[in-house]
Amino acid sequence: MKKPKMDQDVLLTLGEVGIAIAGFSGIVVSLGQRAHGEWSKKDRRRLADLLVASMGLAIFGFLPMILSAAGMSERTTLRYASAVLLLYVLFSSAMWLRGAMGEMGRMSWVLAFPALLIAMMLGLVASDVIFRVASFVYYLTLFWLLLISLANFARLLMESHNDR
């Protein structure tokens, strides 16, 4: 059986991207009309979603390295990191869906379906049912968080004050 390998450079890069997105959102906030306190409820929701996703990306990009530095084997590191990431995905998805149901309607399923699949895969990795694709599942989840961050960042950046 082929042993999955966690690429530390990929994890570091994803963590750095998460931090960068969170930082750029501060620029958008400070330079836009929103800097004058003219925030719609949608804007506040998007900023919160962006920060939750990008900071999650940063934290979980670094978590496997921290667990590995604690002396855990790669298999244990992947299982524990996946278990914690599963809890985060469940919590953040519930938060996103709670905010999205009224505002996005059918679009909330675009978030709900991948969240369900990702949660199931992370659960299987965390319970050691599947290990061969454990690294792929972890990277896929981080990539999903990156897409959510970028989508919310783009919407904050591109939506004018009059569109709200």
Foldseek 3Di string as FASTA:
>chain_A
DDADDADLVLLQVQLVLLVVLLVVVVVLCCPAPCVVVLDDPVLVLLNVLLNLLSNLSNVLSCQLVVVVVVVDDSLQSLLVSLVVVLVSLVVSLVSNLVVCCVPPPVCNVVSVVVSVVLSVVSVCSNVVVDRVCSNVSSVVSSVVSVVSNVVSSCCSNPDHSVND
